[in-house]
Amino acid sequence: MSLNRILEMVNPHHDAPTIDTVDNKGASCNVSSSDQAAVSTNPPNATETNDVTRMSIDKPEQAPATPEPQMDTQTLDTAKGQGQQQGTLESVSTATTPTPTRYAAEEPQLKQKVNTKLDVSDQQQQQQSYSKSSYTSVFNDQGVLQQRQNRPKLKLTDFHMLRTLGTGSFGRVHLVQSRVNVRYYAIKVLKKTEVVRLKQVEHTNNEKHILEAVGHPFIVNLWGTFQDDNHLFMVMDYIPGGELFSILRRSQRFPDHVAKFYAAEVVLAIEYLHSKDIIYRDLKPENLLLDAQGHIKITDFGFAKHVPDITWTLCGTPDYLAPEVIQSKGYGKAVDWWSLGVLVFEMLAGHPPFFDDDHLKLYEKILAGRIKYPSYFDPNAKDLLRRLLTSDLSKRFGNLRKGAEDVKCHAWFEGVDFNRLLARQHRPPYVPSIRGDGDASHFDRYPESNEQYGLQSGPDPYRHFFSDF
């Protein structure tokens, strides 16, 4: 099937798919820089954070049917509006490569830059592609899930609204404080009318159900949901460190050991999701938040889906789409491993391996698969990327018989103790400067809304769409 035909199927009135700001993304109300609190809503009107676009299309499948933890993180599926990022980043390097268009409206790059020393010996270049791994099992989530199940039903009056962390086309994300335990959370508020109008009912319900079914150190927690006549509410962790995207943008690119740390935590999260037959489908720096200790939290599960075998839905962020998604082929978990390759490349180079202002040309580049690796890339990193960024599913790491073990045992991850990493016993390379509980300095200021929440007496023609909220 030609690219033109694919695009016509998605959007018959244009030559490229419709792209929304992050907040139109699937099930989550993308908010600027905070689902980064606990939700994701990219602010369509916040120029400083609205440089990333997210594909909001979701082509229907056409194939035959076959005591509560401390709130130390925030998960807003919002856009990028980040306030000043503070803290210390170890060995952040500079880059001379051009910046992709989706960075155009971003803030100036980080002033503190430290050149990375890349000294690769001949012996390292000849190193084998595999190393030993002591990691043996997937994270046991039963304790976290049981803890959430035993919680009483939450309601709006349980919280004191403090400030807006981000806004989007679906609604906004608020920083709130519990009147019960005095802890801070992020509440993602979605307008029912907009969710229905933009045909995101399935995505919104998917996000709720998937987040309720997962519990992992590197994935944001959903503590409860409720609704009034006009809005849907999702109560999530407040993750105060902001987006990894902002740190990467300011440092231009990460040194090898920094990229490796974040990639390793992402690998553990992907492995966990895949063990539950969940495909994430929207991996990128904007959806990786940093908690108060500097560990990642994956947020914005609007495109996540339970897929035991394959699916045909065309959705995701253009720069990160796998070839099989663009070609409208049935695809499965392998798409997340492709996205991991794009993420690692972007962290190391400061830009994704494929980018173009024209989405049609971008897709042509992805299908062609020609990648130019910077000379400063570690040979082991290049080897892993070649094994992830291959269109041949029979060769793509993560999709082979050993699954995630092939990725974790690769030579680039040599020395990484995945058991200690899972236990959060490794000190992250960057620790955000947090002035105390409820500190929101890593998020931009937005005008507050006068919209009333909690109305329960008026007509609600959409409640039946969200019966599980």
Protein backbone atom coordinates (compact mmCIF):
# COMPACT_ATOMS: atom_id res chain seq x y z
CA MET A 1 0.00 0.00 0.00
CA SER A 2 1.44 3.40 -0.99
CA LEU A 3 2.03 6.17 1.52
CA ASN A 4 -0.41 8.43 -0.32
CA ARG A 5 -3.10 5.79 0.00
CA ILE A 6 -2.34 5.34 3.70
CA LEU A 7 -2.66 9.07 4.30
CA GLU A 8 -5.88 9.26 2.29
CA MET A 9 -7.40 6.55 4.47
CA VAL A 10 -6.46 8.49 7.56
CA ASN A 11 -7.46 11.97 6.38
CA PRO A 12 -9.14 12.12 2.97
CA HIS A 13 -9.14 15.93 2.92
CA HIS A 14 -5.42 16.43 3.39
CA ASP A 15 -2.17 14.92 2.22
CA ALA A 16 -0.97 14.30 5.76
CA PRO A 17 -2.67 12.90 8.86
CA THR A 18 -4.32 15.29 11.25
CA ILE A 19 -1.96 16.13 14.07
CA ASP A 20 -3.07 17.48 17.39
CA THR A 21 -1.13 19.07 20.16
CA VAL A 22 -0.22 16.67 22.89
CA ASP A 23 -3.41 17.24 24.71
CA ASN A 24 -5.52 15.75 21.98
CA LYS A 25 -3.71 12.61 22.42
CA GLY A 26 -5.89 9.68 22.79
CA ALA A 27 -7.22 9.11 26.22
CA SER A 28 -5.27 11.63 28.08
CA CYS A 29 -5.88 15.31 28.39
CA ASN A 30 -2.49 16.48 27.40
CA VAL A 31 -1.46 19.25 29.60
CA SER A 32 1.51 21.44 29.27
CA SER A 33 4.28 20.03 31.30
CA SER A 34 2.63 18.20 33.94
CA ASP A 35 1.33 14.73 33.31
CA GLN A 36 3.81 15.23 33.56
CA ALA A 37 2.37 15.79 36.75
CA ALA A 38 0.00 13.02 36.49
CA VAL A 39 -1.62 13.66 33.24
CA SER A 40 -0.63 14.79 29.85
CA THR A 41 -2.08 17.84 28.25
CA ASN A 42 -0.03 19.78 25.85
CA PRO A 43 -1.12 23.35 25.93
CA PRO A 44 -2.22 24.36 22.48
CA ASN A 45 -1.86 28.01 23.33
CA ALA A 46 1.28 27.92 25.41
CA THR A 47 3.93 28.72 22.86
CA GLU A 48 6.78 27.90 25.14
CA THR A 49 5.59 24.35 25.44
CA ASN A 50 3.54 23.68 22.35
CA ASP A 51 6.27 22.64 20.01
CA VAL A 52 5.45 18.97 19.98
CA THR A 53 2.61 17.60 18.00
CA ARG A 54 0.95 14.31 18.67
CA MET A 55 -0.91 12.22 16.20
CA SER A 56 -4.48 12.12 17.43
CA ILE A 57 -5.78 10.00 14.59
CA ASP A 58 -6.85 6.49 15.37
CA LYS A 59 -7.75 4.58 12.24
CA PRO A 60 -10.23 1.80 13.07
CA GLU A 61 -8.92 -1.68 12.79
CA GLN A 62 -9.83 -3.23 9.47
CA ALA A 63 -8.53 -6.73 9.84
CA PRO A 64 -10.75 -9.65 10.78
CA ALA A 65 -11.61 -9.94 14.43
CA THR A 66 -9.43 -12.58 15.58
CA PRO A 67 -1.10 2.75 53.44
CA GLU A 68 -0.58 4.71 50.24
CA PRO A 69 2.93 5.48 48.96
CA GLN A 70 4.50 8.90 49.23
CA MET A 71 3.60 11.14 46.34
CA ASP A 72 7.05 11.78 45.00
CA THR A 73 6.11 12.00 41.37
CA GLN A 74 3.77 13.81 39.10
CA THR A 75 2.21 12.45 35.96
CA LEU A 76 0.44 14.97 33.85
CA ASP A 77 -0.17 13.77 30.31
CA THR A 78 0.21 17.37 29.38
CA ALA A 79 2.20 19.23 26.93
CA LYS A 80 5.55 20.57 27.67
CA GLY A 81 5.25 23.84 29.43
CA GLN A 82 8.00 23.48 31.90
CA GLY A 83 9.10 26.05 34.37
CA GLN A 84 12.73 26.46 35.18
CA GLN A 85 14.48 23.14 35.44
CA GLN A 86 16.80 23.11 38.38
CA GLY A 87 19.19 20.57 39.77
CA THR A 88 22.45 19.11 38.63
CA LEU A 89 22.92 17.04 35.51
CA GLU A 90 26.09 15.03 35.43
CA SER A 91 28.16 15.33 32.27
CA VAL A 92 25.69 16.89 29.89
CA SER A 93 27.25 17.27 26.50
CA THR A 94 26.80 19.76 23.70
CA ALA A 95 25.65 18.94 20.20
CA THR A 96 26.08 20.54 16.83
CA THR A 97 23.34 18.67 15.02
CA PRO A 98 20.23 20.48 13.77
CA THR A 99 17.17 20.51 15.98
CA PRO A 100 13.94 18.87 14.76
CA THR A 101 10.95 21.04 13.98
CA ARG A 102 9.05 19.81 17.02
CA TYR A 103 11.62 21.65 19.14
CA ALA A 104 11.10 24.97 17.38
CA ALA A 105 9.09 26.62 20.14
CA GLU A 106 11.15 25.22 22.96
CA GLU A 107 13.08 27.25 25.50
CA PRO A 108 16.75 28.20 24.95
CA GLN A 109 19.07 25.32 25.47
CA LEU A 110 20.59 24.66 28.86
CA LYS A 111 23.44 27.00 29.64
CA GLN A 112 25.45 24.46 31.58
CA LYS A 113 27.03 22.05 29.13
CA VAL A 114 29.86 19.66 29.74
CA ASN A 115 31.58 18.01 26.85
CA THR A 116 31.37 14.26 26.95
CA LYS A 117 34.63 12.42 26.77
CA LEU A 118 34.35 9.65 24.26
CA ASP A 119 37.38 7.44 24.32
CA VAL A 120 36.55 4.13 22.73
CA SER A 121 39.46 1.73 22.51
CA ASP A 122 39.93 -0.88 19.82
CA GLN A 123 39.24 -3.51 22.42
CA GLN A 124 35.88 -1.95 23.23
CA GLN A 125 35.00 -1.79 19.55
CA GLN A 126 35.60 -5.51 19.25
CA GLN A 127 33.53 -6.28 22.35
CA GLN A 128 30.83 -8.91 21.94
CA SER A 129 27.24 -7.79 21.54
CA TYR A 130 26.09 -9.52 24.69
CA SER A 131 26.88 -9.21 28.36
CA LYS A 132 25.65 -11.13 31.37
CA SER A 133 22.51 -10.00 33.12
CA SER A 134 21.50 -10.89 36.66
CA TYR A 135 17.92 -9.73 36.18
CA THR A 136 15.54 -12.63 36.49
CA SER A 137 11.94 -11.56 36.88
CA VAL A 138 9.33 -8.95 36.07
CA PHE A 139 8.24 -6.56 38.83
CA ASN A 140 5.64 -8.02 41.22
CA ASP A 141 2.83 -5.46 41.23
CA GLN A 142 0.36 -7.24 43.50
CA GLY A 143 1.11 -5.13 46.56
CA VAL A 144 0.53 -1.85 44.74
CA LEU A 145 -2.62 -3.06 42.99
CA GLN A 146 -4.09 -4.43 46.20
CA GLN A 147 -3.37 -1.18 47.97
CA ARG A 148 -5.31 0.76 45.35
CA GLN A 149 -8.23 -1.64 45.37
CA ASN A 150 -8.69 -1.16 49.08
CA ARG A 151 -9.01 2.60 48.79
CA PRO A 152 -12.44 4.21 49.24
CA LYS A 153 -14.04 5.87 46.24
CA LEU A 154 -12.55 9.33 45.74
CA LYS A 155 -14.63 12.46 45.25
CA LEU A 156 -13.96 16.08 44.38
CA THR A 157 -14.52 17.32 47.92
CA ASP A 158 -11.56 15.20 49.06
CA PHE A 159 -9.20 17.71 47.45
CA HIS A 160 -8.25 21.35 47.65
CA MET A 161 -7.50 22.81 44.21
CA LEU A 162 -4.21 24.76 44.20
CA ARG A 163 -3.13 25.73 40.69
CA THR A 164 -3.17 24.71 37.04
CA LEU A 165 -0.20 22.67 35.91
CA GLY A 166 -1.15 22.48 32.26
CA THR A 167 -3.97 22.95 29.80
CA GLY A 168 -5.15 21.22 26.66
CA SER A 169 -8.03 20.80 24.28
CA PHE A 170 -9.67 18.20 26.53
CA GLY A 171 -9.32 20.18 29.75
CA ARG A 172 -6.53 20.81 32.21
CA VAL A 173 -4.41 19.33 34.97
CA HIS A 174 -4.53 20.71 38.49
CA LEU A 175 -2.16 20.43 41.39
CA VAL A 176 -4.29 19.50 44.40
CA GLN A 177 -3.81 18.68 48.05
CA SER A 178 -5.76 15.95 49.77
CA ARG A 179 -7.96 17.06 52.64
CA VAL A 180 -7.64 13.52 54.02
CA ASN A 181 -3.89 12.83 54.10
CA VAL A 182 -2.54 16.31 53.20
CA ARG A 183 -0.49 14.86 50.33
CA TYR A 184 -0.21 16.38 46.88
CA TYR A 185 -1.66 14.88 43.73
CA ALA A 186 -2.33 15.86 40.15
CA ILE A 187 -5.91 15.68 38.92
CA LYS A 188 -6.48 15.44 35.22
CA VAL A 189 -9.84 16.96 34.29
CA LEU A 190 -11.37 16.10 30.91
CA LYS A 191 -14.40 17.75 29.36
CA LYS A 192 -16.88 15.10 28.34
CA THR A 193 -18.15 17.15 25.40
CA GLU A 194 -14.63 17.42 23.95
CA VAL A 195 -13.78 13.78 24.52
CA VAL A 196 -16.95 12.76 22.67
CA ARG A 197 -16.56 15.39 19.93
CA LEU A 198 -12.98 14.33 19.20
CA LYS A 199 -13.96 10.65 19.24
CA GLN A 200 -11.66 9.82 22.13
CA VAL A 201 -14.14 7.89 24.26
CA GLU A 202 -12.40 4.55 23.70
CA HIS A 203 -8.96 6.02 24.33
CA THR A 204 -10.09 7.68 27.53
CA ASN A 205 -11.64 4.49 28.88
CA ASN A 206 -8.57 2.52 27.77
CA GLU A 207 -6.28 4.84 29.68
CA LYS A 208 -8.29 4.43 32.87
CA HIS A 209 -8.51 0.65 32.65
CA ILE A 210 -4.84 0.16 31.79
CA LEU A 211 -3.56 2.48 34.51
CA GLU A 212 -5.77 0.67 37.01
CA ALA A 213 -4.24 -2.64 35.95
CA VAL A 214 -0.57 -1.66 36.25
CA GLY A 215 1.73 -0.77 39.11
CA HIS A 216 5.44 -0.26 38.52
CA PRO A 217 8.25 1.90 39.95
CA PHE A 218 8.68 3.61 36.58
CA ILE A 219 5.03 4.09 35.64
CA VAL A 220 2.73 6.76 37.03
CA ASN A 221 0.09 5.64 39.52
CA LEU A 222 -3.62 6.23 39.04
CA TRP A 223 -5.27 6.38 42.47
CA GLY A 224 -8.88 6.85 41.47
CA THR A 225 -11.41 8.38 39.09
CA PHE A 226 -14.81 10.03 39.35
CA GLN A 227 -17.05 12.28 37.28
CA ASP A 228 -19.64 15.03 37.49
CA ASP A 229 -22.19 16.06 34.88
CA ASN A 230 -19.60 17.72 32.64
CA HIS A 231 -16.15 16.38 33.53
CA LEU A 232 -14.06 13.27 34.09
CA PHE A 233 -11.47 13.31 36.88
CA MET A 234 -8.34 11.16 37.13
CA VAL A 235 -6.31 11.38 40.35
CA MET A 236 -2.65 10.55 39.79
CA ASP A 237 0.76 10.94 41.36
CA TYR A 238 2.13 14.45 41.42
CA ILE A 239 5.56 14.19 39.80
CA PRO A 240 7.42 17.41 40.52
CA GLY A 241 10.58 17.02 38.44
CA GLY A 242 9.07 17.83 35.06
CA GLU A 243 9.72 16.19 31.70
CA LEU A 244 12.89 14.46 30.60
CA PHE A 245 12.30 16.27 27.33
CA SER A 246 13.10 19.63 28.95
CA ILE A 247 16.37 18.37 30.38
CA LEU A 248 17.37 16.86 27.04
CA ARG A 249 16.40 20.00 25.20
CA ARG A 250 18.51 22.20 27.41
CA SER A 251 21.52 19.93 27.40
CA GLN A 252 21.21 19.35 23.64
CA ARG A 253 22.22 15.72 24.05
CA PHE A 254 23.07 13.28 26.82
CA PRO A 255 26.41 11.59 27.37
CA ASP A 256 26.37 7.85 26.91
CA HIS A 257 26.03 6.90 30.60
CA VAL A 258 23.10 9.29 31.13
CA ALA A 259 21.17 7.99 28.12
CA LYS A 260 21.91 4.44 29.24
CA PHE A 261 20.45 5.05 32.71
CA TYR A 262 17.13 6.39 31.42
CA ALA A 263 16.95 3.77 28.67
CA ALA A 264 17.46 0.96 31.19
CA GLU A 265 14.56 2.19 33.33
CA VAL A 266 12.38 2.44 30.22
CA VAL A 267 13.32 -1.12 29.23
CA LEU A 268 12.10 -2.42 32.60
CA ALA A 269 8.81 -0.57 32.22
CA ILE A 270 8.24 -1.82 28.66
CA GLU A 271 9.06 -5.38 29.68
CA TYR A 272 6.52 -5.11 32.49
CA LEU A 273 3.77 -3.73 30.23
CA HIS A 274 4.40 -6.39 27.61
CA SER A 275 4.14 -9.10 30.28
CA LYS A 276 0.54 -7.93 30.61
CA ASP A 277 0.02 -7.79 26.82
CA ILE A 278 -0.10 -3.99 26.92
CA ILE A 279 1.46 -1.95 24.11
CA TYR A 280 2.36 1.60 25.08
CA ARG A 281 2.66 3.10 21.56
CA ASP A 282 3.74 6.63 22.54
CA LEU A 283 7.25 6.42 23.92
CA LYS A 284 9.16 9.72 23.69
CA PRO A 285 11.00 12.13 26.05
CA GLU A 286 7.88 14.25 26.52
CA ASN A 287 6.12 11.33 28.19
CA LEU A 288 8.93 10.55 30.61
CA LEU A 289 8.65 12.51 33.85
CA LEU A 290 11.24 12.77 36.59
CA ASP A 291 10.24 12.20 40.19
CA ALA A 292 11.79 13.99 43.13
CA GLN A 293 14.71 11.55 43.16
CA GLY A 294 15.32 11.75 39.40
CA HIS A 295 13.87 8.39 38.35
CA ILE A 296 11.56 8.26 35.35
CA LYS A 297 7.80 7.85 35.41
CA ILE A 298 6.11 6.96 32.15
CA THR A 299 2.89 8.92 31.74
CA ASP A 300 0.21 9.61 29.17
CA PHE A 301 -1.36 6.24 28.45
CA GLY A 302 -3.91 7.54 25.96
CA PHE A 303 -2.56 5.36 23.15
CA ALA A 304 -1.83 2.32 25.32
CA LYS A 305 -3.84 -0.76 24.47
CA HIS A 306 -4.25 -4.35 25.58
CA VAL A 307 -3.13 -6.35 22.55
CA PRO A 308 -2.68 -10.10 23.05
CA ASP A 309 -1.75 -10.59 19.40
CA ILE A 310 -1.90 -7.77 16.83
CA THR A 311 -3.74 -4.53 16.15
CA TRP A 312 -4.11 -2.24 13.12
CA THR A 313 -4.77 1.16 14.67
CA LEU A 314 -2.74 3.99 13.15
CA CYS A 315 -1.73 6.23 16.06
CA GLY A 316 1.31 7.63 17.76
CA THR A 317 3.86 10.42 17.35
CA PRO A 318 5.14 10.70 13.75
CA ASP A 319 8.88 10.72 14.57
CA TYR A 320 8.51 7.52 16.57
CA LEU A 321 6.22 5.45 14.34
CA ALA A 322 7.50 2.02 13.39
CA PRO A 323 7.49 1.07 9.68
CA GLU A 324 4.78 -1.53 10.16
CA VAL A 325 2.45 1.08 11.68
CA ILE A 326 2.95 3.46 8.74
CA GLN A 327 2.30 0.66 6.29
CA SER A 328 -1.01 -0.17 8.00
CA LYS A 329 0.19 -3.68 8.70
CA GLY A 330 -0.96 -5.59 11.70
CA TYR A 331 1.54 -4.94 14.47
CA GLY A 332 2.25 -5.93 18.05
CA LYS A 333 4.66 -5.30 20.90
CA ALA A 334 7.61 -4.85 18.53
CA VAL A 335 6.56 -1.24 17.89
CA ASP A 336 7.59 -0.29 21.43
CA TRP A 337 11.08 -1.66 20.87
CA TRP A 338 11.38 0.37 17.69
CA SER A 339 10.35 3.44 19.69
CA LEU A 340 12.98 2.59 22.29
CA GLY A 341 15.58 2.74 19.53
CA VAL A 342 14.32 6.16 18.45
CA LEU A 343 14.38 7.34 22.07
CA VAL A 344 17.95 6.16 22.67
CA PHE A 345 19.09 7.76 19.42
CA GLU A 346 17.41 11.05 20.34
CA MET A 347 18.94 11.08 23.80
CA LEU A 348 22.42 10.47 22.39
CA ALA A 349 22.17 12.76 19.35
CA GLY A 350 19.73 15.43 20.46
CA HIS A 351 17.37 14.66 17.60
CA PRO A 352 15.50 11.58 16.37
CA PRO A 353 16.97 9.47 13.57
CA PHE A 354 14.14 10.48 11.23
CA PHE A 355 12.57 13.93 11.11
CA ASP A 356 11.05 16.23 8.53
CA ASP A 357 8.53 19.07 8.54
CA ASP A 358 6.54 17.22 5.90
CA HIS A 359 4.96 14.12 7.42
CA LEU A 360 4.83 12.33 4.09
CA LYS A 361 8.57 12.81 3.63
CA LEU A 362 9.12 11.78 7.24
CA TYR A 363 7.29 8.50 6.68
CA GLU A 364 9.28 7.89 3.49
CA LYS A 365 12.50 8.29 5.48
CA ILE A 366 11.30 5.87 8.15
CA LEU A 367 10.38 3.28 5.53
CA ALA A 368 13.71 3.74 3.74
CA GLY A 369 15.47 3.09 7.04
CA ARG A 370 18.68 4.94 6.22
CA ILE A 371 20.21 6.24 9.44
CA LYS A 372 23.32 8.39 9.78
CA TYR A 373 25.01 7.68 13.09
CA PRO A 374 27.12 10.47 14.59
CA SER A 375 30.80 9.59 14.91
CA TYR A 376 30.74 10.08 18.67
CA PHE A 377 28.23 7.26 19.24
CA ASP A 378 29.65 4.38 21.26
CA PRO A 379 30.06 1.31 18.99
CA ASN A 380 27.91 -0.77 21.33
CA ALA A 381 25.18 1.86 21.24
CA LYS A 382 25.22 1.82 17.44
CA ASP A 383 25.03 -1.96 17.44
CA LEU A 384 22.00 -1.97 19.73
CA LEU A 385 20.29 0.74 17.69
CA ARG A 386 20.78 -1.22 14.49
CA ARG A 387 19.11 -4.20 16.16
CA LEU A 388 16.19 -2.08 17.38
CA LEU A 389 15.70 0.16 14.35
CA THR A 390 15.25 -2.60 11.82
CA SER A 391 12.08 -3.06 9.82
CA ASP A 392 12.69 -6.82 9.79
CA LEU A 393 10.57 -8.04 12.70
CA SER A 394 12.37 -11.38 12.67
CA LYS A 395 15.57 -9.54 13.65
CA ARG A 396 14.33 -6.70 15.87
CA PHE A 397 15.56 -7.03 19.43
CA GLY A 398 12.76 -7.31 21.95
CA ASN A 399 10.66 -9.18 19.41
CA LEU A 400 12.76 -12.33 19.34
CA ARG A 401 12.43 -15.52 21.36
CA LYS A 402 14.19 -14.10 24.42
CA GLY A 403 12.11 -10.92 24.38
CA ALA A 404 13.48 -8.11 26.54
CA GLU A 405 16.43 -10.26 27.63
CA ASP A 406 18.10 -9.65 24.27
CA VAL A 407 18.00 -5.93 24.97
CA LYS A 408 19.07 -6.12 28.62
CA CYS A 409 21.92 -8.52 27.85
CA HIS A 410 23.31 -6.39 25.06
CA ALA A 411 26.86 -5.12 25.53
CA TRP A 412 25.68 -1.49 25.74
CA PHE A 413 24.00 -2.33 29.04
CA GLU A 414 27.04 -4.15 30.41
CA GLY A 415 27.51 -3.25 34.05
CA VAL A 416 23.84 -2.35 34.56
CA ASP A 417 22.37 -4.27 37.49
CA PHE A 418 18.70 -4.37 36.52
CA ASN A 419 17.68 -5.76 39.90
CA ARG A 420 19.19 -2.79 41.73
CA LEU A 421 17.76 -0.48 39.11
CA LEU A 422 14.28 -1.90 39.60
CA ALA A 423 14.68 -1.35 43.34
CA ARG A 424 15.64 2.27 42.60
CA GLN A 425 19.03 1.74 44.25
CA HIS A 426 21.02 3.51 41.52
CA ARG A 427 21.44 7.25 41.93
CA PRO A 428 20.03 9.01 38.87
CA PRO A 429 22.37 11.30 36.88
CA TYR A 430 20.06 14.28 37.39
CA VAL A 431 18.22 15.10 40.61
CA PRO A 432 15.64 17.89 40.29
CA SER A 433 15.80 20.72 42.79
CA ILE A 434 12.57 20.39 44.77
CA ARG A 435 11.93 22.98 47.49
CA GLY A 436 9.36 20.89 49.31
CA ASP A 437 6.08 19.04 48.97
CA GLY A 438 3.84 20.70 46.42
CA ASP A 439 6.68 22.60 44.73
CA ALA A 440 5.52 23.27 41.15
CA SER A 441 8.44 25.40 39.98
CA HIS A 442 9.19 22.98 37.15
CA PHE A 443 5.85 23.79 35.52
CA ASP A 444 4.70 26.94 33.78
CA ARG A 445 2.00 29.23 35.07
CA TYR A 446 -1.38 29.20 33.31
CA PRO A 447 -4.42 31.42 33.71
CA GLU A 448 -6.83 29.81 36.12
CA SER A 449 -10.27 28.78 34.91
CA ASN A 450 -13.58 29.87 36.40
CA GLU A 451 -15.20 26.67 35.24
CA GLN A 452 -17.24 24.99 37.95
CA TYR A 453 -16.53 21.41 38.92
CA GLY A 454 -18.74 19.04 40.84
CA LEU A 455 -22.13 19.79 39.27
CA GLN A 456 -24.41 16.78 39.61
CA SER A 457 -27.93 18.08 39.07
CA GLY A 458 -28.03 18.97 35.38
CA PRO A 459 -28.45 16.83 32.25
CA ASP A 460 -25.59 14.46 31.49
CA PRO A 461 -26.08 12.93 28.03
CA TYR A 462 -22.60 11.36 28.03
CA ARG A 463 -22.46 9.57 31.38
CA HIS A 464 -23.22 6.22 29.78
CA PHE A 465 -19.99 6.49 27.76
CA PHE A 466 -17.97 6.58 30.97
CA SER A 467 -19.86 4.26 33.27
CA ASP A 468 -16.61 2.99 34.86
CA PHE A 469 -15.47 6.42 36.06
